[in-house]
C-alpha atoms as a PDB file:
ATOM      1  CA  UNK A   1      27.273  38.908 -12.898  1.00  0.00           C
ATOM      2  CA  UNK A   2      28.201  35.448 -14.253  1.00  0.00           C
ATOM      3  CA  UNK A   3      31.871  36.001 -13.463  1.00  0.00           C
ATOM      4  CA  UNK A   4      31.054  37.097  -9.899  1.00  0.00           C
ATOM      5  CA  UNK A   5      28.847  34.025  -9.460  1.00  0.00           C
ATOM      6  CA  UNK A   6      31.606  31.734 -10.798  1.00  0.00           C
ATOM      7  CA  UNK A   7      34.164  33.235  -8.393  1.00  0.00           C
ATOM      8  CA  UNK A   8      31.761  32.822  -5.461  1.00  0.00           C
ATOM      9  CA  UNK A   9      31.054  29.228  -6.467  1.00  0.00           C
ATOM     10  CA  UNK A  10      34.800  28.561  -6.767  1.00  0.00           C
ATOM     11  CA  UNK A  11      35.400  30.022  -3.296  1.00  0.00           C
ATOM     12  CA  UNK A  12      32.618  27.874  -1.829  1.00  0.00           C
ATOM     13  CA  UNK A  13      33.995  24.734  -3.501  1.00  0.00           C
ATOM     14  CA  UNK A  14      37.487  25.433  -2.158  1.00  0.00           C
ATOM     15  CA  UNK A  15      36.104  26.091   1.335  1.00  0.00           C
ATOM     16  CA  UNK A  16      34.217  22.780   1.311  1.00  0.00           C
ATOM     17  CA  UNK A  17      37.274  20.855   0.154  1.00  0.00           C
ATOM     18  CA  UNK A  18      39.377  22.501   2.859  1.00  0.00           C
ATOM     19  CA  UNK A  19      36.742  21.576   5.463  1.00  0.00           C
ATOM     20  CA  UNK A  20      36.752  18.006   4.139  1.00  0.00           C
ATOM     21  CA  UNK A  21      40.529  17.812   4.362  1.00  0.00           C
ATOM     22  CA  UNK A  22      40.441  19.080   7.957  1.00  0.00           C
ATOM     23  CA  UNK A  23      37.699  16.599   8.914  1.00  0.00           C
ATOM     24  CA  UNK A  24      39.517  13.613   7.422  1.00  0.00           C
ATOM     25  CA  UNK A  25      42.801  14.665   9.013  1.00  0.00           C
ATOM     26  CA  UNK A  26      41.040  14.942  12.403  1.00  0.00           C
ATOM     27  CA  UNK A  27      39.438  11.519  11.991  1.00  0.00           C
ATOM     28  CA  UNK A  28      42.847  10.031  11.274  1.00  0.00           C
ATOM     29  CA  UNK A  29      44.140  11.430  14.577  1.00  0.00           C
ATOM     30  CA  UNK A  30      41.138  10.336  16.650  1.00  0.00           C
ATOM     31  CA  UNK A  31      41.816   8.019  19.602  1.00  0.00           C
ATOM     32  CA  UNK A  32      41.833   4.443  18.356  1.00  0.00           C
ATOM     33  CA  UNK A  33      42.146   5.436  14.706  1.00  0.00           C
ATOM     34  CA  UNK A  34      45.482   3.670  14.366  1.00  0.00           C
ATOM     35  CA  UNK A  35      43.794   0.394  15.313  1.00  0.00           C
ATOM     36  CA  UNK A  36      40.939   0.606  12.849  1.00  0.00           C
ATOM     37  CA  UNK A  37      39.989   1.288   9.283  1.00  0.00           C
ATOM     38  CA  UNK A  38      39.241   4.891  10.271  1.00  0.00           C
ATOM     39  CA  UNK A  39      42.804   5.887   9.449  1.00  0.00           C
ATOM     40  CA  UNK A  40      42.833   3.927   6.189  1.00  0.00           C
ATOM     41  CA  UNK A  41      39.545   5.477   5.058  1.00  0.00           C
ATOM     42  CA  UNK A  42      40.622   8.957   6.092  1.00  0.00           C
ATOM     43  CA  UNK A  43      43.756   8.695   3.949  1.00  0.00           C
ATOM     44  CA  UNK A  44      41.810   7.179   1.065  1.00  0.00           C
ATOM     45  CA  UNK A  45      39.303  10.040   1.149  1.00  0.00           C
ATOM     46  CA  UNK A  46      42.123  12.591   1.346  1.00  0.00           C
ATOM     47  CA  UNK A  47      43.631  10.991  -1.777  1.00  0.00           C
ATOM     48  CA  UNK A  48      40.259  11.398  -3.511  1.00  0.00           C
ATOM     49  CA  UNK A  49      39.986  15.069  -2.558  1.00  0.00           C
ATOM     50  CA  UNK A  50      43.508  15.823  -3.782  1.00  0.00           C
ATOM     51  CA  UNK A  51      42.800  13.899  -6.991  1.00  0.00           C
ATOM     52  CA  UNK A  52      39.804  16.112  -7.709  1.00  0.00           C
ATOM     53  CA  UNK A  53      41.747  19.247  -6.832  1.00  0.00           C
ATOM     54  CA  UNK A  54      44.500  18.218  -9.250  1.00  0.00           C
ATOM     55  CA  UNK A  55      42.009  18.130 -12.106  1.00  0.00           C
ATOM     56  CA  UNK A  56      40.368  21.533 -11.698  1.00  0.00           C
ATOM     57  CA  UNK A  57      37.773  22.113 -14.413  1.00  0.00           C
ATOM     58  CA  UNK A  58      38.131  18.571 -15.741  1.00  0.00           C
ATOM     59  CA  UNK A  59      36.632  17.294 -12.473  1.00  0.00           C
ATOM     60  CA  UNK A  60      33.717  19.739 -12.814  1.00  0.00           C
ATOM     61  CA  UNK A  61      34.596  21.494  -9.596  1.00  0.00           C
ATOM     62  CA  UNK A  62      33.361  24.895 -10.694  1.00  0.00           C
ATOM     63  CA  UNK A  63      36.959  26.024 -10.767  1.00  0.00           C
ATOM     64  CA  UNK A  64      37.444  29.348 -12.494  1.00  0.00           C
ATOM     65  CA  UNK A  65      40.702  27.967 -13.879  1.00  0.00           C
ATOM     66  CA  UNK A  66      42.803  24.827 -13.810  1.00  0.00           C
ATOM     67  CA  UNK A  67      45.498  24.586 -11.150  1.00  0.00           C
ATOM     68  CA  UNK A  68      48.965  25.911 -11.969  1.00  0.00           C
ATOM     69  CA  UNK A  69      51.522  23.204 -12.868  1.00  0.00           C
ATOM     70  CA  UNK A  70      53.239  23.436  -9.473  1.00  0.00           C
ATOM     71  CA  UNK A  71      49.890  23.129  -7.667  1.00  0.00           C
ATOM     72  CA  UNK A  72      48.919  20.157  -9.841  1.00  0.00           C
ATOM     73  CA  UNK A  73      52.284  18.520  -9.001  1.00  0.00           C
ATOM     74  CA  UNK A  74      51.705  19.159  -5.275  1.00  0.00           C
ATOM     75  CA  UNK A  75      48.214  17.623  -5.463  1.00  0.00           C
ATOM     76  CA  UNK A  76      49.624  14.643  -7.376  1.00  0.00           C
ATOM     77  CA  UNK A  77      52.229  14.069  -4.671  1.00  0.00           C
ATOM     78  CA  UNK A  78      49.505  14.250  -1.998  1.00  0.00           C
ATOM     79  CA  UNK A  79      47.289  11.745  -3.845  1.00  0.00           C
ATOM     80  CA  UNK A  80      50.091   9.194  -3.923  1.00  0.00           C
ATOM     81  CA  UNK A  81      51.152   9.903  -0.341  1.00  0.00           C
ATOM     82  CA  UNK A  82      47.639   9.437   1.039  1.00  0.00           C
ATOM     83  CA  UNK A  83      46.952   6.334  -1.045  1.00  0.00           C
ATOM     84  CA  UNK A  84      50.197   4.791   0.207  1.00  0.00           C
ATOM     85  CA  UNK A  85      49.268   5.606   3.805  1.00  0.00           C
ATOM     86  CA  UNK A  86      45.774   4.210   3.244  1.00  0.00           C
ATOM     87  CA  UNK A  87      47.183   0.928   1.951  1.00  0.00           C
ATOM     88  CA  UNK A  88      49.714   0.801   4.808  1.00  0.00           C
ATOM     89  CA  UNK A  89      46.803   1.210   7.226  1.00  0.00           C
ATOM     90  CA  UNK A  90      44.945  -1.768   5.774  1.00  0.00           C
ATOM     91  CA  UNK A  91      42.802  -0.460   2.924  1.00  0.00           C
ATOM     92  CA  UNK A  92      42.667  -3.275   0.372  1.00  0.00           C
ATOM     93  CA  UNK A  93      39.821  -2.338  -1.980  1.00  0.00           C
ATOM     94  CA  UNK A  94      42.161  -1.993  -4.945  1.00  0.00           C
ATOM     95  CA  UNK A  95      39.387  -2.674  -7.474  1.00  0.00           C
ATOM     96  CA  UNK A  96      37.393   0.167  -5.947  1.00  0.00           C
ATOM     97  CA  UNK A  97      40.424   2.474  -6.198  1.00  0.00           C
ATOM     98  CA  UNK A  98      40.774   1.553  -9.875  1.00  0.00           C
ATOM     99  CA  UNK A  99      37.098   2.427 -10.548  1.00  0.00           C
ATOM    100  CA  UNK A 100      36.396   5.240  -8.058  1.00  0.00           C
ATOM    101  CA  UNK A 101      35.187   8.315  -9.993  1.00  0.00           C
ATOM    102  CA  UNK A 102      36.995  10.553  -7.509  1.00  0.00           C
ATOM    103  CA  UNK A 103      40.289   9.000  -8.599  1.00  0.00           C
ATOM    104  CA  UNK A 104      39.498   9.275 -12.323  1.00  0.00           C
ATOM    105  CA  UNK A 105      41.764  12.338 -12.704  1.00  0.00           C
ATOM    106  CA  UNK A 106      44.804  10.295 -11.627  1.00  0.00           C
ATOM    107  CA  UNK A 107      44.004   7.072 -13.432  1.00  0.00           C
ATOM    108  CA  UNK A 108      46.597   6.513 -16.089  1.00  0.00           C
ATOM    109  CA  UNK A 109      49.391   8.195 -14.153  1.00  0.00           C
ATOM    110  CA  UNK A 110      52.300   5.800 -14.290  1.00  0.00           C
ATOM    111  CA  UNK A 111      53.076   6.246 -10.585  1.00  0.00           C
ATOM    112  CA  UNK A 112      49.417   5.713  -9.584  1.00  0.00           C
ATOM    113  CA  UNK A 113      49.226   2.485 -11.579  1.00  0.00           C
ATOM    114  CA  UNK A 114      52.602   1.340 -10.203  1.00  0.00           C
ATOM    115  CA  UNK A 115      51.495   2.014  -6.620  1.00  0.00           C
ATOM    116  CA  UNK A 116      48.290  -0.002  -7.032  1.00  0.00           C
ATOM    117  CA  UNK A 117      50.089  -2.859  -8.778  1.00  0.00           C
ATOM    118  CA  UNK A 118      52.777  -3.018  -6.076  1.00  0.00           C
ATOM    119  CA  UNK A 119      50.198  -3.197  -3.283  1.00  0.00           C
ATOM    120  CA  UNK A 120      48.121  -5.777  -5.147  1.00  0.00           C
ATOM    121  CA  UNK A 121      51.226  -7.972  -5.539  1.00  0.00           C
ATOM    122  CA  UNK A 122      52.154  -7.436  -1.919  1.00  0.00           C
ATOM    123  CA  UNK A 123      48.684  -8.377  -0.639  1.00  0.00           C
ATOM    124  CA  UNK A 124      48.342 -11.390  -2.936  1.00  0.00           C
ATOM    125  CA  UNK A 125      51.756 -12.601  -1.729  1.00  0.00           C
ATOM    126  CA  UNK A 126      50.667 -12.245   1.901  1.00  0.00           C
ATOM    127  CA  UNK A 127      47.517 -14.269   1.256  1.00  0.00           C
ATOM    128  CA  UNK A 128      49.522 -17.112  -0.303  1.00  0.00           C
ATOM    129  CA  UNK A 129      51.751 -17.464   2.773  1.00  0.00           C
END
């Protein structure tokens, strides 16, 4: 009974994450999104979802098991890709990204820290000009 309940909960969690991914992807394609923070926020939220998916049980997602190494690597790539696109679209809340609980699973990754540091330097350089 407990195993069946855990599998059902895992399926529901996955379904909700997939719905969230679809919703954020749609919002990023909405008319006018390229001219607003809608696109930046959509990519930021997609990065958060993929961060949580990369962590499996560690993110308390009711996962029956942790993701396989290749799935974790795919999620990691998607986190970085969506963060980069968020920053390119104008998201500048770097302090929030460093403290966001949804990004906790990726904090400490060398490439995550390097991405944030590069964008912080880039934005501080733009403000000095």
